[in-house]
PDB file of N, CA and C in Angstrom:
ATOM      1  N   MET A   1      55.776  33.860 -53.084  1.00  0.00           N
ATOM      2  CA  MET A   1      55.637  32.633 -52.754  1.00  0.00           C
ATOM      3  C   MET A   1      54.141  32.398 -52.562  1.00  0.00           C
ATOM      4  N   SER A   2      53.604  31.339 -53.277  1.00  0.00           N
ATOM      5  CA  SER A   2      52.156  30.975 -52.797  1.00  0.00           C
ATOM      6  C   SER A   2      52.146  29.596 -52.138  1.00  0.00           C
ATOM      7  N   PHE A   3      51.228  29.421 -51.718  1.00  0.00           N
ATOM      8  CA  PHE A   3      51.060  28.005 -50.775  1.00  0.00           C
ATOM      9  C   PHE A   3      49.951  27.105 -51.138  1.00  0.00           C
ATOM     10  N   GLY A   4      49.824  27.196 -52.541  1.00  0.00           N
ATOM     11  CA  GLY A   4      48.803  26.295 -53.070  1.00  0.00           C
ATOM     12  C   GLY A   4      47.307  26.447 -52.732  1.00  0.00           C
ATOM     13  N   GLY A   5      47.159  27.730 -52.496  1.00  0.00           N
ATOM     14  CA  GLY A   5      45.654  27.892 -52.224  1.00  0.00           C
ATOM     15  C   GLY A   5      45.228  27.523 -50.714  1.00  0.00           C
ATOM     16  N   ASN A   6      46.070  27.082 -49.847  1.00  0.00           N
ATOM     17  CA  ASN A   6      45.614  26.782 -48.649  1.00  0.00           C
ATOM     18  C   ASN A   6      45.783  27.798 -47.699  1.00  0.00           C
ATOM     19  N   ALA A   7      45.526  27.699 -46.348  1.00  0.00           N
ATOM     20  CA  ALA A   7      45.356  28.706 -45.392  1.00  0.00           C
ATOM     21  C   ALA A   7      46.864  28.845 -44.840  1.00  0.00           C
ATOM     22  N   ALA A   8      47.842  28.193 -45.157  1.00  0.00           N
ATOM     23  CA  ALA A   8      49.063  28.134 -44.625  1.00  0.00           C
ATOM     24  C   ALA A   8      49.767  29.571 -44.600  1.00  0.00           C
ATOM     25  N   SER A   9      49.625  30.270 -45.555  1.00  0.00           N
ATOM     26  CA  SER A   9      50.144  31.605 -45.695  1.00  0.00           C
ATOM     27  C   SER A   9      49.522  32.596 -44.729  1.00  0.00           C
ATOM     28  N   ALA A  10      48.266  32.295 -44.087  1.00  0.00           N
ATOM     29  CA  ALA A  10      47.749  33.140 -43.246  1.00  0.00           C
ATOM     30  C   ALA A  10      48.096  32.738 -41.786  1.00  0.00           C
ATOM     31  N   ASP A  11      48.748  31.596 -41.824  1.00  0.00           N
ATOM     32  CA  ASP A  11      49.196  31.041 -40.354  1.00  0.00           C
ATOM     33  C   ASP A  11      50.229  32.041 -39.705  1.00  0.00           C
ATOM     34  N   PRO A  12      49.737  32.545 -38.343  1.00  0.00           N
ATOM     35  CA  PRO A  12      50.710  33.462 -37.807  1.00  0.00           C
ATOM     36  C   PRO A  12      52.197  32.922 -37.543  1.00  0.00           C
ATOM     37  N   ARG A  13      52.258  31.651 -37.594  1.00  0.00           N
ATOM     38  CA  ARG A  13      53.764  31.118 -37.491  1.00  0.00           C
ATOM     39  C   ARG A  13      54.455  31.669 -38.779  1.00  0.00           C
ATOM     40  N   VAL A  14      53.830  31.364 -40.055  1.00  0.00           N
ATOM     41  CA  VAL A  14      54.438  31.956 -41.205  1.00  0.00           C
ATOM     42  C   VAL A  14      54.638  33.261 -41.356  1.00  0.00           C
ATOM     43  N   VAL A  15      53.720  34.094 -40.814  1.00  0.00           N
ATOM     44  CA  VAL A  15      53.844  35.355 -40.793  1.00  0.00           C
ATOM     45  C   VAL A  15      55.037  35.723 -40.047  1.00  0.00           C
ATOM     46  N   GLY A  16      55.293  35.270 -38.794  1.00  0.00           N
ATOM     47  CA  GLY A  16      56.213  35.452 -38.189  1.00  0.00           C
ATOM     48  C   GLY A  16      57.728  35.229 -38.723  1.00  0.00           C
ATOM     49  N   LEU A  17      57.830  34.118 -39.373  1.00  0.00           N
ATOM     50  CA  LEU A  17      58.877  33.607 -40.105  1.00  0.00           C
ATOM     51  C   LEU A  17      59.260  34.517 -41.226  1.00  0.00           C
ATOM     52  N   ARG A  18      58.159  35.005 -41.764  1.00  0.00           N
ATOM     53  CA  ARG A  18      58.443  35.929 -43.036  1.00  0.00           C
ATOM     54  C   ARG A  18      58.992  37.293 -42.438  1.00  0.00           C
ATOM     55  N   GLN A  19      58.417  37.804 -41.233  1.00  0.00           N
ATOM     56  CA  GLN A  19      58.887  39.124 -40.647  1.00  0.00           C
ATOM     57  C   GLN A  19      60.405  38.914 -40.281  1.00  0.00           C
ATOM     58  N   GLU A  20      60.641  37.744 -39.649  1.00  0.00           N
ATOM     59  CA  GLU A  20      62.120  37.537 -39.233  1.00  0.00           C
ATOM     60  C   GLU A  20      63.013  37.431 -40.415  1.00  0.00           C
ATOM     61  N   PHE A  21      62.523  36.908 -41.559  1.00  0.00           N
ATOM     62  CA  PHE A  21      63.370  36.828 -42.731  1.00  0.00           C
ATOM     63  C   PHE A  21      63.643  38.127 -43.246  1.00  0.00           C
ATOM     64  N   GLN A  22      62.477  39.119 -43.335  1.00  0.00           N
ATOM     65  CA  GLN A  22      62.672  40.332 -43.851  1.00  0.00           C
ATOM     66  C   GLN A  22      63.557  41.216 -43.161  1.00  0.00           C
ATOM     67  N   GLN A  23      63.573  40.993 -41.887  1.00  0.00           N
ATOM     68  CA  GLN A  23      64.313  41.715 -40.826  1.00  0.00           C
ATOM     69  C   GLN A  23      65.837  41.382 -40.980  1.00  0.00           C
ATOM     70  N   GLY A  24      65.958  40.114 -40.995  1.00  0.00           N
ATOM     71  CA  GLY A  24      67.311  39.570 -41.155  1.00  0.00           C
ATOM     72  C   GLY A  24      67.962  39.994 -42.658  1.00  0.00           C
ATOM     73  N   MET A  25      67.153  39.854 -43.565  1.00  0.00           N
ATOM     74  CA  MET A  25      67.582  40.377 -45.092  1.00  0.00           C
ATOM     75  C   MET A  25      68.223  41.702 -45.117  1.00  0.00           C
ATOM     76  N   THR A  26      67.171  42.782 -44.241  1.00  0.00           N
ATOM     77  CA  THR A  26      67.659  44.016 -44.158  1.00  0.00           C
ATOM     78  C   THR A  26      68.858  44.373 -43.661  1.00  0.00           C
ATOM     79  N   ARG A  27      69.115  43.556 -42.387  1.00  0.00           N
ATOM     80  CA  ARG A  27      70.243  43.812 -41.670  1.00  0.00           C
ATOM     81  C   ARG A  27      71.550  43.281 -42.467  1.00  0.00           C
ATOM     82  N   PHE A  28      71.293  42.133 -43.255  1.00  0.00           N
ATOM     83  CA  PHE A  28      72.193  41.503 -44.063  1.00  0.00           C
ATOM     84  C   PHE A  28      72.607  42.477 -45.210  1.00  0.00           C
ATOM     85  N   PHE A  29      71.588  42.963 -45.898  1.00  0.00           N
ATOM     86  CA  PHE A  29      71.884  43.907 -47.026  1.00  0.00           C
ATOM     87  C   PHE A  29      72.790  45.100 -46.552  1.00  0.00           C
ATOM     88  N   MET A  30      72.291  45.715 -45.460  1.00  0.00           N
ATOM     89  CA  MET A  30      73.057  46.940 -44.972  1.00  0.00           C
ATOM     90  C   MET A  30      74.242  46.698 -44.509  1.00  0.00           C
ATOM     91  N   GLY A  31      74.643  45.389 -43.995  1.00  0.00           N
ATOM     92  CA  GLY A  31      75.934  45.087 -43.573  1.00  0.00           C
ATOM     93  C   GLY A  31      76.901  44.678 -44.841  1.00  0.00           C
ATOM     94  N   PHE A  32      76.186  44.020 -45.693  1.00  0.00           N
ATOM     95  CA  PHE A  32      76.921  43.816 -47.095  1.00  0.00           C
ATOM     96  C   PHE A  32      77.317  45.177 -47.772  1.00  0.00           C
ATOM     97  N   ALA A  33      76.243  45.947 -47.792  1.00  0.00           N
ATOM     98  CA  ALA A  33      76.563  47.324 -48.597  1.00  0.00           C
ATOM     99  C   ALA A  33      77.775  47.946 -48.085  1.00  0.00           C
ATOM    100  N   VAL A  34      77.784  48.056 -46.593  1.00  0.00           N
ATOM    101  CA  VAL A  34      78.770  48.966 -46.132  1.00  0.00           C
ATOM    102  C   VAL A  34      80.076  48.188 -46.137  1.00  0.00           C
ATOM    103  N   THR A  35      80.244  46.717 -45.975  1.00  0.00           N
ATOM    104  CA  THR A  35      81.333  46.059 -46.228  1.00  0.00           C
ATOM    105  C   THR A  35      81.917  46.275 -47.509  1.00  0.00           C
ATOM    106  N   GLU A  36      81.142  46.045 -48.466  1.00  0.00           N
ATOM    107  CA  GLU A  36      81.484  46.190 -49.852  1.00  0.00           C
ATOM    108  C   GLU A  36      81.939  47.370 -50.322  1.00  0.00           C
ATOM    109  N   GLY A  37      81.240  48.596 -49.778  1.00  0.00           N
ATOM    110  CA  GLY A  37      81.663  49.882 -50.083  1.00  0.00           C
ATOM    111  C   GLY A  37      83.076  50.109 -49.556  1.00  0.00           C
ATOM    112  N   ILE A  38      83.245  49.668 -48.292  1.00  0.00           N
ATOM    113  CA  ILE A  38      84.609  49.803 -47.703  1.00  0.00           C
ATOM    114  C   ILE A  38      85.628  49.264 -48.277  1.00  0.00           C
ATOM    115  N   VAL A  39      85.437  48.112 -48.770  1.00  0.00           N
ATOM    116  CA  VAL A  39      86.505  47.282 -49.283  1.00  0.00           C
ATOM    117  C   VAL A  39      86.753  47.933 -50.815  1.00  0.00           C
ATOM    118  N   LEU A  40      85.781  48.294 -51.719  1.00  0.00           N
ATOM    119  CA  LEU A  40      85.931  48.881 -53.047  1.00  0.00           C
ATOM    120  C   LEU A  40      86.727  50.367 -52.736  1.00  0.00           C
ATOM    121  N   ALA A  41      86.105  51.003 -51.670  1.00  0.00           N
ATOM    122  CA  ALA A  41      86.799  52.434 -51.727  1.00  0.00           C
ATOM    123  C   ALA A  41      88.200  52.155 -51.026  1.00  0.00           C
ATOM    124  N   ALA A  42      88.724  51.224 -50.534  1.00  0.00           N
ATOM    125  CA  ALA A  42      89.967  51.007 -50.122  1.00  0.00           C
ATOM    126  C   ALA A  42      90.829  50.722 -51.346  1.00  0.00           C
ATOM    127  N   ALA A  43      90.241  49.749 -52.256  1.00  0.00           N
ATOM    128  CA  ALA A  43      90.903  49.379 -53.346  1.00  0.00           C
ATOM    129  C   ALA A  43      91.066  50.607 -54.189  1.00  0.00           C
ATOM    130  N   VAL A  44      90.122  51.427 -54.407  1.00  0.00           N
ATOM    131  CA  VAL A  44      90.328  52.659 -55.214  1.00  0.00           C
ATOM    132  C   VAL A  44      91.447  53.604 -54.650  1.00  0.00           C
ATOM    133  N   VAL A  45      91.336  53.764 -53.326  1.00  0.00           N
ATOM    134  CA  VAL A  45      92.447  54.657 -52.708  1.00  0.00           C
ATOM    135  C   VAL A  45      93.872  53.946 -52.944  1.00  0.00           C
ATOM    136  N   VAL A  46      93.955  52.574 -52.629  1.00  0.00           N
ATOM    137  CA  VAL A  46      95.430  51.857 -52.961  1.00  0.00           C
ATOM    138  C   VAL A  46      95.832  52.130 -54.438  1.00  0.00           C
ATOM    139  N   ILE A  47      94.800  51.940 -55.258  1.00  0.00           N
ATOM    140  CA  ILE A  47      95.176  51.804 -56.669  1.00  0.00           C
ATOM    141  C   ILE A  47      95.241  53.307 -57.287  1.00  0.00           C
ATOM    142  N   TRP A  48      94.332  54.069 -57.130  1.00  0.00           N
ATOM    143  CA  TRP A  48      94.262  55.357 -57.814  1.00  0.00           C
ATOM    144  C   TRP A  48      94.907  56.533 -56.983  1.00  0.00           C
ATOM    145  N   VAL A  49      94.714  56.622 -55.710  1.00  0.00           N
ATOM    146  CA  VAL A  49      95.257  57.699 -54.970  1.00  0.00           C
ATOM    147  C   VAL A  49      96.675  57.672 -54.423  1.00  0.00           C
ATOM    148  N   LEU A  50      96.831  56.397 -53.896  1.00  0.00           N
ATOM    149  CA  LEU A  50      98.377  56.037 -53.228  1.00  0.00           C
ATOM    150  C   LEU A  50      99.272  55.610 -54.427  1.00  0.00           C
ATOM    151  N   ARG A  51      98.556  55.088 -55.576  1.00  0.00           N
ATOM    152  CA  ARG A  51      99.306  54.571 -56.669  1.00  0.00           C
ATOM    153  C   ARG A  51     100.290  53.395 -56.303  1.00  0.00           C
ATOM    154  N   LEU A  52      99.745  52.682 -55.370  1.00  0.00           N
ATOM    155  CA  LEU A  52     100.726  51.388 -54.971  1.00  0.00           C
ATOM    156  C   LEU A  52     100.638  50.231 -55.960  1.00  0.00           C
ATOM    157  N   ILE A  53      99.713  50.249 -56.883  1.00  0.00           N
ATOM    158  CA  ILE A  53      99.212  49.299 -57.792  1.00  0.00           C
ATOM    159  C   ILE A  53      99.067  49.943 -59.088  1.00  0.00           C
ATOM    160  N   ASP A  54      99.474  49.353 -60.167  1.00  0.00           N
ATOM    161  CA  ASP A  54      99.473  50.108 -61.548  1.00  0.00           C
ATOM    162  C   ASP A  54      97.853  50.132 -61.870  1.00  0.00           C
ATOM    163  N   PRO A  55      97.362  51.278 -62.215  1.00  0.00           N
ATOM    164  CA  PRO A  55      95.995  51.299 -62.382  1.00  0.00           C
ATOM    165  C   PRO A  55      95.326  50.418 -63.547  1.00  0.00           C
ATOM    166  N   SER A  56      96.233  50.074 -64.478  1.00  0.00           N
ATOM    167  CA  SER A  56      95.899  49.102 -65.501  1.00  0.00           C
ATOM    168  C   SER A  56      95.737  47.677 -64.766  1.00  0.00           C
ATOM    169  N   VAL A  57      96.304  47.325 -63.854  1.00  0.00           N
ATOM    170  CA  VAL A  57      96.009  46.136 -63.148  1.00  0.00           C
ATOM    171  C   VAL A  57      94.981  46.381 -62.060  1.00  0.00           C
ATOM    172  N   GLY A  58      94.927  47.507 -61.615  1.00  0.00           N
ATOM    173  CA  GLY A  58      93.923  47.824 -60.599  1.00  0.00           C
ATOM    174  C   GLY A  58      92.519  47.625 -61.000  1.00  0.00           C
ATOM    175  N   VAL A  59      92.216  47.903 -62.307  1.00  0.00           N
ATOM    176  CA  VAL A  59      90.946  47.586 -62.780  1.00  0.00           C
ATOM    177  C   VAL A  59      90.438  46.225 -62.613  1.00  0.00           C
ATOM    178  N   TYR A  60      91.292  45.449 -62.742  1.00  0.00           N
ATOM    179  CA  TYR A  60      91.030  43.980 -62.741  1.00  0.00           C
ATOM    180  C   TYR A  60      90.996  43.608 -61.255  1.00  0.00           C
ATOM    181  N   ILE A  61      91.650  44.173 -60.360  1.00  0.00           N
ATOM    182  CA  ILE A  61      91.449  43.985 -59.029  1.00  0.00           C
ATOM    183  C   ILE A  61      89.914  44.437 -58.487  1.00  0.00           C
ATOM    184  N   VAL A  62      89.674  45.678 -58.908  1.00  0.00           N
ATOM    185  CA  VAL A  62      88.291  46.110 -58.474  1.00  0.00           C
ATOM    186  C   VAL A  62      87.310  45.227 -59.196  1.00  0.00           C
ATOM    187  N   LEU A  63      87.463  44.873 -60.472  1.00  0.00           N
ATOM    188  CA  LEU A  63      86.461  44.006 -61.030  1.00  0.00           C
ATOM    189  C   LEU A  63      86.337  42.577 -60.203  1.00  0.00           C
ATOM    190  N   GLY A  64      87.511  42.091 -59.918  1.00  0.00           N
ATOM    191  CA  GLY A  64      87.591  40.853 -59.188  1.00  0.00           C
ATOM    192  C   GLY A  64      86.809  41.045 -57.798  1.00  0.00           C
ATOM    193  N   ILE A  65      87.054  42.112 -57.072  1.00  0.00           N
ATOM    194  CA  ILE A  65      86.233  42.329 -55.735  1.00  0.00           C
ATOM    195  C   ILE A  65      84.718  42.460 -56.044  1.00  0.00           C
ATOM    196  N   ALA A  66      84.419  43.044 -56.999  1.00  0.00           N
ATOM    197  CA  ALA A  66      82.721  43.210 -57.326  1.00  0.00           C
ATOM    198  C   ALA A  66      82.274  41.845 -57.858  1.00  0.00           C
ATOM    199  N   LEU A  67      82.991  41.223 -58.539  1.00  0.00           N
ATOM    200  CA  LEU A  67      82.499  39.863 -58.831  1.00  0.00           C
ATOM    201  C   LEU A  67      82.535  38.840 -57.802  1.00  0.00           C
ATOM    202  N   VAL A  68      83.486  38.905 -56.795  1.00  0.00           N
ATOM    203  CA  VAL A  68      83.409  37.955 -55.726  1.00  0.00           C
ATOM    204  C   VAL A  68      82.193  38.336 -54.832  1.00  0.00           C
ATOM    205  N   GLY A  69      82.157  39.885 -54.526  1.00  0.00           N
ATOM    206  CA  GLY A  69      80.956  40.172 -53.840  1.00  0.00           C
ATOM    207  C   GLY A  69      79.706  39.865 -54.377  1.00  0.00           C
ATOM    208  N   GLY A  70      79.591  40.079 -55.592  1.00  0.00           N
ATOM    209  CA  GLY A  70      78.246  39.564 -56.174  1.00  0.00           C
ATOM    210  C   GLY A  70      77.942  38.166 -56.114  1.00  0.00           C
ATOM    211  N   PHE A  71      78.892  37.460 -56.252  1.00  0.00           N
ATOM    212  CA  PHE A  71      78.662  35.799 -56.250  1.00  0.00           C
ATOM    213  C   PHE A  71      78.470  35.496 -54.668  1.00  0.00           C
ATOM    214  N   SER A  72      79.087  36.003 -53.891  1.00  0.00           N
ATOM    215  CA  SER A  72      78.809  35.786 -52.513  1.00  0.00           C
ATOM    216  C   SER A  72      77.301  36.317 -52.009  1.00  0.00           C
ATOM    217  N   LEU A  73      76.969  37.484 -52.539  1.00  0.00           N
ATOM    218  CA  LEU A  73      75.602  37.953 -52.318  1.00  0.00           C
ATOM    219  C   LEU A  73      74.588  37.054 -52.815  1.00  0.00           C
ATOM    220  N   PHE A  74      74.839  36.437 -54.196  1.00  0.00           N
ATOM    221  CA  PHE A  74      73.856  35.673 -54.731  1.00  0.00           C
ATOM    222  C   PHE A  74      73.790  34.218 -54.012  1.00  0.00           C
ATOM    223  N   LEU A  75      74.716  33.659 -53.580  1.00  0.00           N
ATOM    224  CA  LEU A  75      74.934  32.499 -52.665  1.00  0.00           C
ATOM    225  C   LEU A  75      74.023  32.659 -51.371  1.00  0.00           C
ATOM    226  N   THR A  76      74.497  33.865 -50.742  1.00  0.00           N
ATOM    227  CA  THR A  76      73.952  33.959 -49.438  1.00  0.00           C
ATOM    228  C   THR A  76      72.345  34.149 -49.660  1.00  0.00           C
ATOM    229  N   ILE A  77      71.949  35.015 -50.527  1.00  0.00           N
ATOM    230  CA  ILE A  77      70.414  35.077 -50.714  1.00  0.00           C
ATOM    231  C   ILE A  77      69.723  33.774 -51.005  1.00  0.00           C
ATOM    232  N   GLN A  78      70.202  32.977 -51.865  1.00  0.00           N
ATOM    233  CA  GLN A  78      69.783  31.768 -52.145  1.00  0.00           C
ATOM    234  C   GLN A  78      69.582  30.758 -50.839  1.00  0.00           C
ATOM    235  N   SER A  79      70.693  30.875 -50.231  1.00  0.00           N
ATOM    236  CA  SER A  79      70.799  29.984 -49.090  1.00  0.00           C
ATOM    237  C   SER A  79      69.695  30.463 -48.071  1.00  0.00           C
ATOM    238  N   ARG A  80      69.516  31.875 -47.813  1.00  0.00           N
ATOM    239  CA  ARG A  80      68.435  32.194 -47.059  1.00  0.00           C
ATOM    240  C   ARG A  80      67.018  31.960 -47.339  1.00  0.00           C
ATOM    241  N   ILE A  81      66.843  32.018 -48.643  1.00  0.00           N
ATOM    242  CA  ILE A  81      65.650  31.758 -49.242  1.00  0.00           C
ATOM    243  C   ILE A  81      65.097  30.240 -48.913  1.00  0.00           C
ATOM    244  N   ARG A  82      66.194  29.302 -49.307  1.00  0.00           N
ATOM    245  CA  ARG A  82      66.084  27.960 -49.063  1.00  0.00           C
ATOM    246  C   ARG A  82      65.746  27.564 -47.477  1.00  0.00           C
ATOM    247  N   ARG A  83      66.372  28.378 -46.689  1.00  0.00           N
ATOM    248  CA  ARG A  83      66.217  28.222 -45.399  1.00  0.00           C
ATOM    249  C   ARG A  83      64.759  28.548 -44.872  1.00  0.00           C
ATOM    250  N   LEU A  84      64.318  29.681 -45.278  1.00  0.00           N
ATOM    251  CA  LEU A  84      62.838  30.205 -45.148  1.00  0.00           C
ATOM    252  C   LEU A  84      61.982  29.143 -45.528  1.00  0.00           C
ATOM    253  N   GLN A  85      62.185  28.550 -46.755  1.00  0.00           N
ATOM    254  CA  GLN A  85      61.260  27.598 -47.294  1.00  0.00           C
ATOM    255  C   GLN A  85      61.306  26.483 -46.500  1.00  0.00           C
ATOM    256  N   ARG A  86      62.230  25.934 -46.025  1.00  0.00           N
ATOM    257  CA  ARG A  86      62.452  24.797 -45.291  1.00  0.00           C
ATOM    258  C   ARG A  86      61.706  25.068 -43.804  1.00  0.00           C
ATOM    259  N   ASP A  87      61.983  26.238 -43.354  1.00  0.00           N
ATOM    260  CA  ASP A  87      61.270  26.517 -42.129  1.00  0.00           C
ATOM    261  C   ASP A  87      59.843  26.509 -42.153  1.00  0.00           C
ATOM    262  N   ILE A  88      59.236  27.096 -43.211  1.00  0.00           N
ATOM    263  CA  ILE A  88      57.888  27.092 -43.579  1.00  0.00           C
ATOM    264  C   ILE A  88      57.357  25.745 -43.504  1.00  0.00           C
ATOM    265  N   ARG A  89      58.123  25.031 -44.430  1.00  0.00           N
ATOM    266  CA  ARG A  89      57.624  23.466 -44.575  1.00  0.00           C
ATOM    267  C   ARG A  89      57.626  22.872 -43.224  1.00  0.00           C
ATOM    268  N   ASP A  90      58.534  23.060 -42.408  1.00  0.00           N
ATOM    269  CA  ASP A  90      58.607  22.379 -41.099  1.00  0.00           C
ATOM    270  C   ASP A  90      57.489  22.934 -40.187  1.00  0.00           C
ATOM    271  N   VAL A  91      57.087  24.014 -40.173  1.00  0.00           N
ATOM    272  CA  VAL A  91      56.036  24.612 -39.414  1.00  0.00           C
ATOM    273  C   VAL A  91      54.750  24.247 -39.890  1.00  0.00           C
ATOM    274  N   THR A  92      54.575  24.224 -41.147  1.00  0.00           N
ATOM    275  CA  THR A  92      53.186  24.032 -41.642  1.00  0.00           C
ATOM    276  C   THR A  92      52.875  22.739 -42.169  1.00  0.00           C
ATOM    277  N   GLY A  93      53.850  22.110 -42.676  1.00  0.00           N
ATOM    278  CA  GLY A  93      53.804  20.843 -43.350  1.00  0.00           C
ATOM    279  C   GLY A  93      53.589  21.089 -44.921  1.00  0.00           C
ATOM    280  N   VAL A  94      53.457  22.313 -45.369  1.00  0.00           N
ATOM    281  CA  VAL A  94      53.066  22.702 -46.634  1.00  0.00           C
ATOM    282  C   VAL A  94      54.433  23.093 -47.383  1.00  0.00           C
ATOM    283  N   VAL A  95      54.733  22.589 -48.700  1.00  0.00           N
ATOM    284  CA  VAL A  95      55.779  23.155 -49.233  1.00  0.00           C
ATOM    285  C   VAL A  95      55.616  24.149 -50.099  1.00  0.00           C
ATOM    286  N   PRO A  96      56.247  25.299 -49.801  1.00  0.00           N
ATOM    287  CA  PRO A  96      55.981  26.565 -50.691  1.00  0.00           C
ATOM    288  C   PRO A  96      56.347  26.488 -52.229  1.00  0.00           C
ATOM    289  N   SER A  97      55.498  26.983 -52.913  1.00  0.00           N
ATOM    290  CA  SER A  97      55.852  26.918 -54.435  1.00  0.00           C
ATOM    291  C   SER A  97      56.457  28.389 -54.859  1.00  0.00           C
ATOM    292  N   GLU A  98      56.970  28.293 -56.037  1.00  0.00           N
ATOM    293  CA  GLU A  98      57.750  29.659 -56.628  1.00  0.00           C
ATOM    294  C   GLU A  98      56.548  30.594 -57.116  1.00  0.00           C
TER     295      GLU A  98
END
């Protein structure tokens, strides 16, 4: 993100917002990865180890879990980026550009 060449990016409040954003995203990614890993591992165990679901159908279940997880990841990242941009705009009065 650039801020149109002004000093808003050097503003300590913006630096603080960015640090909070980075820390929050790190926590989110770790939590998401652990949760998604557990869900996918449970699906694999149920489908291929315990054979409670036919493996030919199980492939679509695993694919569905991965697609839902990826889509929710995308939406969450977009939402958090918009929130960061809104917070920067509220603090500095400068609209961040891409």
